[in-house]
N, C-alpha and C. Protein backbone atom coordinates (compact mmCIF):
# COMPACT_ATOMS: atom_id res chain seq x y z
N MET A 1 62.38 80.28 76.57
CA MET A 1 61.96 81.53 77.14
C MET A 1 61.89 81.59 78.72
N SER A 2 61.25 80.49 79.25
CA SER A 2 61.17 80.39 80.68
C SER A 2 62.53 80.28 81.34
N LYS A 3 63.49 79.68 80.61
CA LYS A 3 64.89 79.58 81.18
C LYS A 3 65.51 80.91 81.30
N LYS A 4 65.30 81.83 80.29
CA LYS A 4 65.89 83.22 80.35
C LYS A 4 65.18 83.95 81.46
N ILE A 5 63.98 83.83 81.68
CA ILE A 5 63.21 84.54 82.76
C ILE A 5 63.78 84.08 84.09
N THR A 6 63.94 82.71 84.24
CA THR A 6 64.51 82.18 85.53
C THR A 6 65.80 82.74 85.82
N ILE A 7 66.66 82.83 84.83
CA ILE A 7 68.09 83.29 84.99
C ILE A 7 67.95 84.79 85.32
N LEU A 8 67.19 85.52 84.66
CA LEU A 8 67.03 86.92 84.97
C LEU A 8 66.61 87.18 86.34
N LEU A 9 65.58 86.38 86.83
CA LEU A 9 65.10 86.54 88.23
C LEU A 9 66.16 86.18 89.22
N LEU A 10 67.01 85.18 88.91
CA LEU A 10 68.10 84.83 89.79
C LEU A 10 69.14 85.91 89.94
N LEU A 11 69.45 86.50 88.77
CA LEU A 11 70.42 87.60 88.76
C LEU A 11 69.84 88.80 89.53
N LEU A 12 68.62 89.00 89.46
CA LEU A 12 68.01 90.17 90.12
C LEU A 12 67.97 90.08 91.68
N THR A 13 67.97 88.74 92.08
CA THR A 13 67.87 88.54 93.52
C THR A 13 69.28 88.51 94.12
N LEU A 14 70.38 88.44 93.39
CA LEU A 14 71.68 88.54 94.00
C LEU A 14 72.06 89.86 94.55
N PRO A 15 72.79 89.94 95.52
CA PRO A 15 73.23 91.24 96.13
C PRO A 15 74.14 91.94 95.06
N LEU A 16 74.03 93.30 95.04
CA LEU A 16 74.87 94.05 94.05
C LEU A 16 76.36 93.85 94.24
N SER A 17 76.83 93.64 95.48
CA SER A 17 78.30 93.47 95.70
C SER A 17 78.81 92.13 95.07
N PHE A 18 77.95 91.29 94.65
CA PHE A 18 78.38 89.96 94.07
C PHE A 18 79.11 90.28 92.73
N PHE A 19 78.72 91.30 92.04
CA PHE A 19 79.33 91.61 90.73
C PHE A 19 80.23 92.70 90.78
N LYS A 20 81.46 92.56 90.24
CA LYS A 20 82.48 93.58 90.27
C LYS A 20 83.08 93.81 88.86
N ASN A 21 83.56 95.01 88.54
CA ASN A 21 84.21 95.26 87.35
C ASN A 21 85.70 94.89 87.34
N ASP A 22 86.17 94.37 86.33
CA ASP A 22 87.68 94.05 86.23
C ASP A 22 88.39 94.99 85.37
N VAL A 23 89.61 95.38 85.73
CA VAL A 23 90.42 96.22 84.95
C VAL A 23 90.68 95.60 83.56
N GLY A 24 90.62 96.38 82.56
CA GLY A 24 90.85 95.97 81.14
C GLY A 24 89.69 95.25 80.49
N ALA A 25 88.53 95.40 81.05
CA ALA A 25 87.37 94.67 80.47
C ALA A 25 87.06 95.22 79.10
N LYS A 26 86.74 94.29 78.21
CA LYS A 26 86.45 94.62 76.82
C LYS A 26 84.95 95.00 76.66
N ASN A 27 84.10 94.21 77.34
CA ASN A 27 82.63 94.41 77.17
C ASN A 27 82.10 94.49 78.56
N VAL A 28 81.34 95.55 78.85
CA VAL A 28 80.66 95.72 80.05
C VAL A 28 79.14 95.76 79.87
N VAL A 29 78.41 94.91 80.52
CA VAL A 29 77.01 94.95 80.44
C VAL A 29 76.45 95.64 81.68
N LYS A 30 75.74 96.71 81.53
CA LYS A 30 75.23 97.41 82.66
C LYS A 30 73.72 97.22 82.76
N ASN A 31 73.28 97.16 84.00
CA ASN A 31 71.90 96.91 84.27
C ASN A 31 71.69 97.61 85.69
N PRO A 32 70.56 98.39 85.73
CA PRO A 32 70.45 99.17 87.02
C PRO A 32 70.30 98.28 88.24
N GLN A 33 69.81 97.02 87.99
CA GLN A 33 69.70 96.06 89.15
C GLN A 33 70.99 95.36 89.51
N ILE A 34 71.99 95.34 88.62
CA ILE A 34 73.17 94.65 88.78
C ILE A 34 74.33 95.72 88.58
N GLU A 35 75.24 95.63 89.51
CA GLU A 35 76.35 96.69 89.48
C GLU A 35 77.04 96.61 88.08
N GLN A 36 77.75 95.52 87.80
CA GLN A 36 78.37 95.34 86.44
C GLN A 36 78.75 93.86 86.30
N ILE A 37 78.64 93.42 85.07
CA ILE A 37 79.15 92.09 84.65
C ILE A 37 80.14 92.40 83.52
N THR A 38 81.26 91.81 83.58
CA THR A 38 82.24 92.09 82.54
C THR A 38 82.67 90.82 81.83
N SER A 39 83.04 91.04 80.58
CA SER A 39 83.45 89.94 79.71
C SER A 39 84.75 90.34 79.08
N GLN A 40 85.78 89.55 78.93
CA GLN A 40 86.95 89.93 78.27
C GLN A 40 87.64 88.59 77.71
N LYS A 41 88.51 88.79 76.76
CA LYS A 41 89.19 87.77 76.15
C LYS A 41 90.43 87.48 76.97
N LEU A 42 90.72 86.25 77.20
CA LEU A 42 91.91 85.85 77.99
C LEU A 42 93.15 86.02 77.09
N ASP A 43 94.28 86.60 77.68
CA ASP A 43 95.54 86.63 77.04
C ASP A 43 96.13 85.27 76.92
N LYS A 44 96.98 85.18 75.97
CA LYS A 44 97.76 83.79 75.85
C LYS A 44 98.38 83.38 77.11
N GLU A 45 99.11 84.31 77.76
CA GLU A 45 99.82 83.97 79.01
C GLU A 45 98.86 83.57 80.10
N ALA A 46 97.64 84.22 80.07
CA ALA A 46 96.67 83.89 81.14
C ALA A 46 96.14 82.37 80.91
N VAL A 47 95.94 82.09 79.67
CA VAL A 47 95.48 80.70 79.30
C VAL A 47 96.46 79.71 79.84
N ILE A 48 97.72 80.01 79.52
CA ILE A 48 98.78 79.07 80.01
C ILE A 48 98.93 79.04 81.48
N LEU A 49 98.89 80.22 82.14
CA LEU A 49 98.98 80.29 83.58
C LEU A 49 97.79 79.59 84.29
N ALA A 50 96.56 79.71 83.70
CA ALA A 50 95.44 79.01 84.26
C ALA A 50 95.67 77.49 84.16
N GLY A 51 96.18 77.03 83.07
CA GLY A 51 96.45 75.57 82.92
C GLY A 51 97.49 75.14 83.84
N TYR A 52 98.53 75.89 84.09
CA TYR A 52 99.64 75.59 85.04
C TYR A 52 99.06 75.52 86.44
N LEU A 53 98.35 76.49 86.89
CA LEU A 53 97.80 76.64 88.21
C LEU A 53 96.78 75.48 88.43
N ALA A 54 96.03 75.00 87.42
CA ALA A 54 95.08 73.92 87.48
C ALA A 54 95.79 72.64 87.84
N LYS A 55 97.03 72.42 87.38
CA LYS A 55 97.83 71.29 87.73
C LYS A 55 98.02 71.14 89.21
N TYR A 56 98.01 72.24 89.94
CA TYR A 56 98.21 72.26 91.39
C TYR A 56 96.87 72.33 92.12
N ASN A 57 95.76 72.35 91.40
CA ASN A 57 94.43 72.50 91.96
C ASN A 57 94.34 73.79 92.73
N SER A 58 94.97 74.85 92.23
CA SER A 58 95.07 76.13 92.87
C SER A 58 93.79 76.93 92.78
N PRO A 59 93.32 77.60 93.80
CA PRO A 59 92.23 78.45 93.73
C PRO A 59 92.58 79.75 92.89
N LEU A 60 93.90 79.99 92.63
CA LEU A 60 94.31 81.15 91.85
C LEU A 60 94.14 80.90 90.36
N GLN A 61 93.84 79.71 89.96
CA GLN A 61 93.73 79.41 88.50
C GLN A 61 92.63 80.27 87.88
N TYR A 62 91.64 80.71 88.56
CA TYR A 62 90.52 81.51 88.00
C TYR A 62 90.89 82.94 87.97
N HIS A 63 92.08 83.27 88.44
CA HIS A 63 92.55 84.68 88.40
C HIS A 63 93.80 84.85 87.51
N ALA A 64 93.99 83.90 86.60
CA ALA A 64 95.18 84.02 85.72
C ALA A 64 95.19 85.43 84.94
N GLN A 65 94.12 85.88 84.53
CA GLN A 65 94.13 87.18 83.80
C GLN A 65 94.53 88.29 84.75
N ASP A 66 94.07 88.22 86.00
CA ASP A 66 94.41 89.20 86.95
C ASP A 66 95.97 89.26 87.16
N PHE A 67 96.64 88.04 87.16
CA PHE A 67 98.11 88.06 87.26
C PHE A 67 98.75 88.71 86.04
N ILE A 68 98.18 88.51 84.87
CA ILE A 68 98.72 89.09 83.65
C ILE A 68 98.54 90.61 83.64
N ASP A 69 97.34 91.02 84.01
CA ASP A 69 96.99 92.48 84.03
C ASP A 69 97.82 93.11 85.05
N ALA A 70 98.09 92.66 86.24
CA ALA A 70 98.87 93.24 87.31
C ALA A 70 100.34 93.33 86.85
N ALA A 71 100.84 92.31 86.20
CA ALA A 71 102.20 92.33 85.70
C ALA A 71 102.38 93.34 84.66
N ARG A 72 101.45 93.56 83.71
CA ARG A 72 101.53 94.58 82.77
C ARG A 72 101.46 95.98 83.32
N THR A 73 100.53 96.17 84.31
CA THR A 73 100.35 97.43 84.92
C THR A 73 101.62 97.90 85.63
N TYR A 74 102.32 96.97 86.22
CA TYR A 74 103.51 97.35 86.98
C TYR A 74 104.83 96.93 86.33
N ASN A 75 104.76 96.53 85.06
CA ASN A 75 105.92 96.24 84.22
C ASN A 75 106.75 95.12 84.93
N LEU A 76 106.11 94.02 85.20
CA LEU A 76 106.83 92.78 85.80
C LEU A 76 106.77 91.61 84.93
N ASP A 77 107.63 90.65 85.15
CA ASP A 77 107.45 89.33 84.43
C ASP A 77 106.23 88.71 84.99
N TRP A 78 105.33 88.19 84.06
CA TRP A 78 104.12 87.64 84.43
C TRP A 78 104.21 86.43 85.42
N LYS A 79 105.35 85.81 85.44
CA LYS A 79 105.49 84.54 86.21
C LYS A 79 105.94 84.85 87.68
N ILE A 80 106.41 85.99 88.03
CA ILE A 80 106.94 86.23 89.33
C ILE A 80 105.86 86.19 90.43
N ILE A 81 104.72 86.78 90.20
CA ILE A 81 103.78 86.90 91.29
C ILE A 81 103.19 85.46 91.54
N PRO A 82 102.83 84.68 90.51
CA PRO A 82 102.31 83.40 90.84
C PRO A 82 103.43 82.49 91.40
N ALA A 83 104.72 82.70 90.97
CA ALA A 83 105.78 81.86 91.49
C ALA A 83 105.97 82.11 92.96
N ILE A 84 105.89 83.35 93.43
CA ILE A 84 106.02 83.74 94.82
C ILE A 84 104.83 83.00 95.67
N ALA A 85 103.68 82.98 95.02
CA ALA A 85 102.53 82.23 95.65
C ALA A 85 102.80 80.77 95.76
N GLY A 86 103.47 80.24 94.78
CA GLY A 86 103.87 78.83 94.81
C GLY A 86 104.73 78.47 95.97
N VAL A 87 105.66 79.33 96.25
CA VAL A 87 106.65 79.21 97.34
C VAL A 87 105.96 79.43 98.69
N GLU A 88 105.28 80.48 98.74
CA GLU A 88 104.74 80.95 100.08
C GLU A 88 103.51 80.17 100.52
N SER A 89 102.71 79.65 99.59
CA SER A 89 101.45 78.99 100.04
C SER A 89 100.98 77.87 99.17
N THR A 90 101.89 77.27 98.36
CA THR A 90 101.44 76.17 97.51
C THR A 90 100.36 76.71 96.59
N PHE A 91 100.63 77.81 95.90
CA PHE A 91 99.62 78.48 95.04
C PHE A 91 98.35 78.80 95.65
N GLY A 92 98.31 79.28 96.89
CA GLY A 92 97.07 79.78 97.53
C GLY A 92 96.33 78.78 98.33
N LYS A 93 96.93 77.60 98.46
CA LYS A 93 96.18 76.51 99.17
C LYS A 93 96.36 76.48 100.63
N GLN A 94 97.58 77.15 101.10
CA GLN A 94 97.89 77.12 102.48
C GLN A 94 98.14 78.60 102.87
N ILE A 95 97.10 79.34 103.26
CA ILE A 95 97.26 80.73 103.56
C ILE A 95 96.85 81.05 105.03
N PRO A 96 97.26 82.20 105.50
CA PRO A 96 96.95 82.49 106.96
C PRO A 96 95.49 83.05 106.97
N GLY A 97 94.93 83.32 105.78
CA GLY A 97 93.62 83.87 105.67
C GLY A 97 93.64 85.12 104.84
N GLY A 98 92.51 85.65 104.51
CA GLY A 98 92.41 86.86 103.82
C GLY A 98 93.10 86.92 102.52
N TYR A 99 92.99 85.85 101.71
CA TYR A 99 93.50 85.86 100.29
C TYR A 99 94.99 86.28 100.19
N ASN A 100 95.82 85.94 101.25
CA ASN A 100 97.22 86.34 101.19
C ASN A 100 98.04 85.12 100.82
N ALA A 101 98.31 84.88 99.61
CA ALA A 101 99.00 83.71 99.11
C ALA A 101 100.51 84.01 98.97
N TRP A 102 100.97 85.20 99.32
CA TRP A 102 102.32 85.65 99.10
C TRP A 102 103.19 85.82 100.35
N GLY A 103 102.62 85.59 101.55
CA GLY A 103 103.29 85.72 102.75
C GLY A 103 103.63 87.28 103.02
N TRP A 104 102.78 88.09 102.44
CA TRP A 104 103.00 89.55 102.36
C TRP A 104 102.60 90.07 103.79
N GLY A 105 103.52 90.55 104.52
CA GLY A 105 103.30 91.14 105.80
C GLY A 105 103.00 90.15 106.84
N VAL A 106 103.44 88.92 106.64
CA VAL A 106 103.16 87.89 107.65
C VAL A 106 104.44 87.77 108.50
N TYR A 107 104.24 88.05 109.83
CA TYR A 107 105.26 87.97 110.88
C TYR A 107 104.76 87.29 112.02
N GLY A 108 105.13 86.10 112.27
CA GLY A 108 104.59 85.26 113.41
C GLY A 108 103.11 85.04 113.21
N THR A 109 102.33 85.59 114.18
CA THR A 109 100.88 85.39 114.13
C THR A 109 100.23 86.61 113.41
N GLN A 110 100.96 87.63 113.05
CA GLN A 110 100.37 88.76 112.37
C GLN A 110 100.45 88.63 110.87
N ALA A 111 99.37 89.07 110.20
CA ALA A 111 99.36 88.95 108.70
C ALA A 111 98.52 90.08 108.10
N ILE A 112 98.83 90.41 106.91
CA ILE A 112 97.98 91.31 106.18
C ILE A 112 96.96 90.51 105.45
N TYR A 113 95.74 90.98 105.50
CA TYR A 113 94.65 90.28 104.77
C TYR A 113 94.13 91.15 103.61
N PHE A 114 93.74 90.43 102.49
CA PHE A 114 93.14 91.19 101.44
C PHE A 114 91.66 90.73 101.27
N SER A 115 90.90 91.62 100.65
CA SER A 115 89.42 91.31 100.51
C SER A 115 89.17 90.38 99.39
N SER A 116 90.12 90.15 98.44
CA SER A 116 89.92 89.25 97.32
C SER A 116 91.21 88.84 96.76
N TRP A 117 91.26 87.79 95.97
CA TRP A 117 92.48 87.39 95.25
C TRP A 117 92.99 88.48 94.41
N ARG A 118 92.09 89.17 93.64
CA ARG A 118 92.42 90.22 92.77
C ARG A 118 93.11 91.32 93.56
N GLU A 119 92.63 91.75 94.66
CA GLU A 119 93.24 92.80 95.48
C GLU A 119 94.63 92.40 95.92
N GLY A 120 94.81 91.17 96.34
CA GLY A 120 96.05 90.63 96.74
C GLY A 120 97.09 90.65 95.55
N ILE A 121 96.66 90.19 94.41
CA ILE A 121 97.53 90.17 93.18
C ILE A 121 98.04 91.54 92.85
N PHE A 122 97.13 92.54 92.77
CA PHE A 122 97.59 93.91 92.47
C PHE A 122 98.28 94.51 93.53
N THR A 123 98.06 94.29 94.77
CA THR A 123 98.84 94.87 95.92
C THR A 123 100.22 94.26 95.86
N ILE A 124 100.42 93.02 95.65
CA ILE A 124 101.70 92.40 95.56
C ILE A 124 102.52 92.98 94.48
N ALA A 125 101.91 93.12 93.23
CA ALA A 125 102.47 93.64 92.10
C ALA A 125 103.00 95.07 92.31
N ARG A 126 102.12 95.87 92.88
CA ARG A 126 102.49 97.25 93.17
C ARG A 126 103.71 97.31 94.25
N GLY A 127 103.56 96.45 95.25
CA GLY A 127 104.67 96.36 96.23
C GLY A 127 105.94 95.88 95.75
N LEU A 128 105.93 94.92 94.77
CA LEU A 128 107.17 94.43 94.14
C LEU A 128 107.80 95.61 93.35
N ARG A 129 107.01 96.27 92.59
CA ARG A 129 107.49 97.42 91.71
C ARG A 129 108.10 98.46 92.67
N GLU A 130 107.37 98.96 93.56
CA GLU A 130 107.84 100.11 94.38
C GLU A 130 108.93 99.81 95.38
N ASN A 131 108.79 98.64 96.02
CA ASN A 131 109.75 98.28 97.11
C ASN A 131 111.01 97.45 96.68
N TYR A 132 110.95 96.91 95.53
CA TYR A 132 112.04 95.99 95.10
C TYR A 132 112.58 96.47 93.80
N PHE A 133 111.78 96.38 92.67
CA PHE A 133 112.24 96.60 91.31
C PHE A 133 112.75 98.13 91.11
N ASN A 134 112.05 98.98 91.65
CA ASN A 134 112.36 100.39 91.56
C ASN A 134 113.72 100.74 92.40
N LYS A 135 114.13 99.74 93.18
CA LYS A 135 115.32 99.97 94.03
C LYS A 135 116.38 99.08 93.54
N GLY A 136 116.25 98.49 92.34
CA GLY A 136 117.28 97.66 91.71
C GLY A 136 117.35 96.20 92.05
N LEU A 137 116.30 95.81 92.85
CA LEU A 137 116.20 94.41 93.26
C LEU A 137 115.18 93.76 92.20
N THR A 138 115.71 93.16 91.13
CA THR A 138 114.91 92.85 90.09
C THR A 138 114.87 91.28 89.65
N ASN A 139 115.43 90.49 90.53
CA ASN A 139 115.29 89.00 90.33
C ASN A 139 115.03 88.37 91.75
N PRO A 140 114.55 87.12 91.72
CA PRO A 140 114.20 86.54 92.99
C PRO A 140 115.39 86.40 93.91
N TYR A 141 116.58 86.29 93.51
CA TYR A 141 117.78 86.20 94.40
C TYR A 141 117.99 87.52 95.14
N SER A 142 117.90 88.67 94.46
CA SER A 142 118.16 89.95 95.10
C SER A 142 116.91 90.36 95.94
N ILE A 143 115.77 89.98 95.54
CA ILE A 143 114.56 90.23 96.25
C ILE A 143 114.59 89.44 97.63
N ASN A 144 115.17 88.28 97.53
CA ASN A 144 115.24 87.35 98.74
C ASN A 144 115.80 87.94 99.95
N ARG A 145 116.73 88.87 99.84
CA ARG A 145 117.44 89.47 100.94
C ARG A 145 116.50 90.14 101.82
N ILE A 146 115.45 90.81 101.25
CA ILE A 146 114.58 91.59 102.10
C ILE A 146 113.14 90.82 102.17
N TYR A 147 112.68 90.15 101.18
CA TYR A 147 111.41 89.53 101.19
C TYR A 147 111.27 88.38 102.19
N ALA A 148 112.30 87.48 102.20
CA ALA A 148 112.06 86.23 102.94
C ALA A 148 113.37 85.95 103.80
N ALA A 149 113.17 85.28 104.98
CA ALA A 149 114.28 84.94 105.79
C ALA A 149 114.96 83.70 105.29
N SER A 150 114.36 82.77 104.53
CA SER A 150 114.98 81.67 104.04
C SER A 150 115.97 81.95 102.90
N PRO A 151 117.18 81.59 102.97
CA PRO A 151 118.16 81.83 101.90
C PRO A 151 117.78 81.07 100.61
N ALA A 152 116.90 80.05 100.72
CA ALA A 152 116.50 79.20 99.53
C ALA A 152 115.32 79.78 98.79
N TRP A 153 114.67 80.81 99.35
CA TRP A 153 113.53 81.43 98.83
C TRP A 153 113.72 81.84 97.36
N GLY A 154 114.77 82.49 97.05
CA GLY A 154 115.09 82.91 95.66
C GLY A 154 115.19 81.86 94.66
N SER A 155 115.86 80.76 95.08
CA SER A 155 116.00 79.66 94.16
C SER A 155 114.64 78.89 93.93
N LYS A 156 113.84 78.89 94.96
CA LYS A 156 112.47 78.25 94.81
C LYS A 156 111.57 79.12 93.91
N VAL A 157 111.57 80.41 94.06
CA VAL A 157 110.83 81.27 93.16
C VAL A 157 111.31 81.12 91.82
N THR A 158 112.57 81.08 91.59
CA THR A 158 113.19 80.90 90.28
C THR A 158 112.82 79.64 89.61
N TYR A 159 112.72 78.53 90.48
CA TYR A 159 112.34 77.28 89.96
C TYR A 159 110.92 77.31 89.42
N PHE A 160 109.99 77.88 90.15
CA PHE A 160 108.57 77.97 89.62
C PHE A 160 108.51 78.83 88.41
N MET A 161 109.30 79.88 88.34
CA MET A 161 109.21 80.73 87.09
C MET A 161 109.73 79.94 85.90
N GLN A 162 110.79 79.26 86.11
CA GLN A 162 111.37 78.42 85.00
C GLN A 162 110.36 77.27 84.68
N ASP A 163 109.75 76.68 85.61
CA ASP A 163 108.83 75.64 85.38
C ASP A 163 107.53 76.14 84.61
N MET A 164 107.08 77.36 84.92
CA MET A 164 106.04 77.93 84.15
C MET A 164 106.42 78.12 82.71
N GLU A 165 107.65 78.58 82.50
CA GLU A 165 108.22 78.78 81.16
C GLU A 165 108.20 77.53 80.40
N LYS A 166 108.70 76.43 81.04
CA LYS A 166 108.71 75.07 80.42
C LYS A 166 107.32 74.64 80.07
N PHE A 167 106.41 74.86 81.02
CA PHE A 167 104.95 74.46 80.74
C PHE A 167 104.44 75.16 79.54
N ALA A 168 104.73 76.54 79.50
CA ALA A 168 104.26 77.30 78.28
C ALA A 168 104.79 76.73 76.94
N LEU A 169 105.98 76.21 76.98
CA LEU A 169 106.63 75.75 75.76
C LEU A 169 106.28 74.19 75.51
N SER A 170 105.73 73.55 76.55
CA SER A 170 105.42 72.04 76.41
C SER A 170 104.10 71.78 75.69
N GLU A 171 103.93 70.50 75.45
CA GLU A 171 102.69 70.15 74.78
C GLU A 171 101.47 70.49 75.59
N ALA A 172 101.54 70.38 76.94
CA ALA A 172 100.43 70.68 77.73
C ALA A 172 100.11 72.09 77.71
N GLY A 173 101.14 73.01 77.68
CA GLY A 173 100.87 74.45 77.51
C GLY A 173 100.22 74.75 76.14
N GLN A 174 100.74 74.13 75.11
CA GLN A 174 100.21 74.41 73.76
C GLN A 174 98.75 73.91 73.73
N ASN A 175 98.48 72.75 74.39
CA ASN A 175 97.08 72.17 74.42
C ASN A 175 96.16 73.16 75.08
N GLU A 176 96.67 73.83 76.17
CA GLU A 176 95.78 74.88 76.79
C GLU A 176 95.36 75.98 75.87
N LEU A 177 96.44 76.42 75.04
CA LEU A 177 96.12 77.45 74.01
C LEU A 177 95.13 76.95 73.02
N SER A 178 95.31 75.78 72.52
CA SER A 178 94.34 75.36 71.42
C SER A 178 92.94 75.13 72.00
N HIS A 179 92.88 74.72 73.27
CA HIS A 179 91.56 74.56 73.96
C HIS A 179 90.87 75.98 74.12
N ALA A 180 91.69 76.91 74.46
CA ALA A 180 91.18 78.27 74.65
C ALA A 180 90.62 78.93 73.41
N SER A 181 91.19 78.52 72.22
CA SER A 181 90.66 79.05 70.99
C SER A 181 89.21 78.65 70.79
N THR A 182 88.72 77.64 71.40
CA THR A 182 87.32 77.24 71.29
C THR A 182 86.51 77.99 72.38
N SER A 183 87.10 78.38 73.45
CA SER A 183 86.48 79.19 74.52
C SER A 183 86.99 80.60 74.48
N VAL A 184 86.42 81.43 73.64
CA VAL A 184 87.02 82.74 73.35
C VAL A 184 86.86 83.73 74.47
N LYS A 185 85.74 83.72 75.23
CA LYS A 185 85.55 84.69 76.23
C LYS A 185 85.38 84.08 77.67
N ILE A 186 85.59 84.87 78.67
CA ILE A 186 85.43 84.54 80.02
C ILE A 186 84.49 85.55 80.66
N ALA A 187 83.84 85.14 81.70
CA ALA A 187 83.03 86.11 82.50
C ALA A 187 83.76 86.37 83.73
N ALA A 188 83.88 87.61 84.12
CA ALA A 188 84.49 87.96 85.39
C ALA A 188 83.45 88.34 86.42
N ILE A 189 83.09 87.42 87.34
CA ILE A 189 82.05 87.59 88.24
C ILE A 189 82.62 87.45 89.66
N SER A 190 82.43 88.48 90.40
CA SER A 190 82.89 88.55 91.77
C SER A 190 84.45 88.31 91.83
N GLY A 191 85.09 88.85 90.88
CA GLY A 191 86.63 88.67 90.79
C GLY A 191 87.02 87.34 90.32
N GLN A 192 86.14 86.45 89.95
CA GLN A 192 86.65 85.13 89.48
C GLN A 192 86.46 85.10 87.96
N LEU A 193 87.43 84.49 87.32
CA LEU A 193 87.39 84.34 85.87
C LEU A 193 86.84 82.94 85.58
N VAL A 194 85.90 82.77 84.84
CA VAL A 194 85.23 81.51 84.47
C VAL A 194 85.23 81.32 82.87
N LEU A 195 85.78 80.21 82.43
CA LEU A 195 85.74 79.92 81.04
C LEU A 195 84.33 79.70 80.63
N ARG A 196 83.98 80.23 79.46
CA ARG A 196 82.67 79.81 78.86
C ARG A 196 82.80 79.61 77.39
């Protein structure tokens, strides 16, 4: 009982901006003292992607469901946005700042900054859909002509997309799925997905 009271008191002392709602939430617990805490089941692809990103010790591993949700929202292959992050920033480990793992709007010393990984993921997904896919540029090689100066960019993005596919089919990817069946839900707190 005292443990529950301690946790409740801790939650009540946190700033309201600490808790955010995630798109596609299945269960939302509302409390007048706390903006929102959400819980949702991870999709199969998100479990695999989280395991793949964990291999690289990527800070993006906790946002695997955001990648899947953004890809579904904008009708993209779920592997393209994390693959671009792999090429541009070693999966979010080398960024100019502001949660920009995709080199989006980075020109010399200028860069676009996002307020969270989730905002960056959804902005990139929308930008890919509107500025590339809707104009017929639907694979990394055709996107390369406008997105990046390096002629090798498209092949590198393709490599990571294929590597994610191999991981999904591998024993490691299947182990991620079987482990996830014991951890049915995640909590989305401050835009981060945490297995529980």
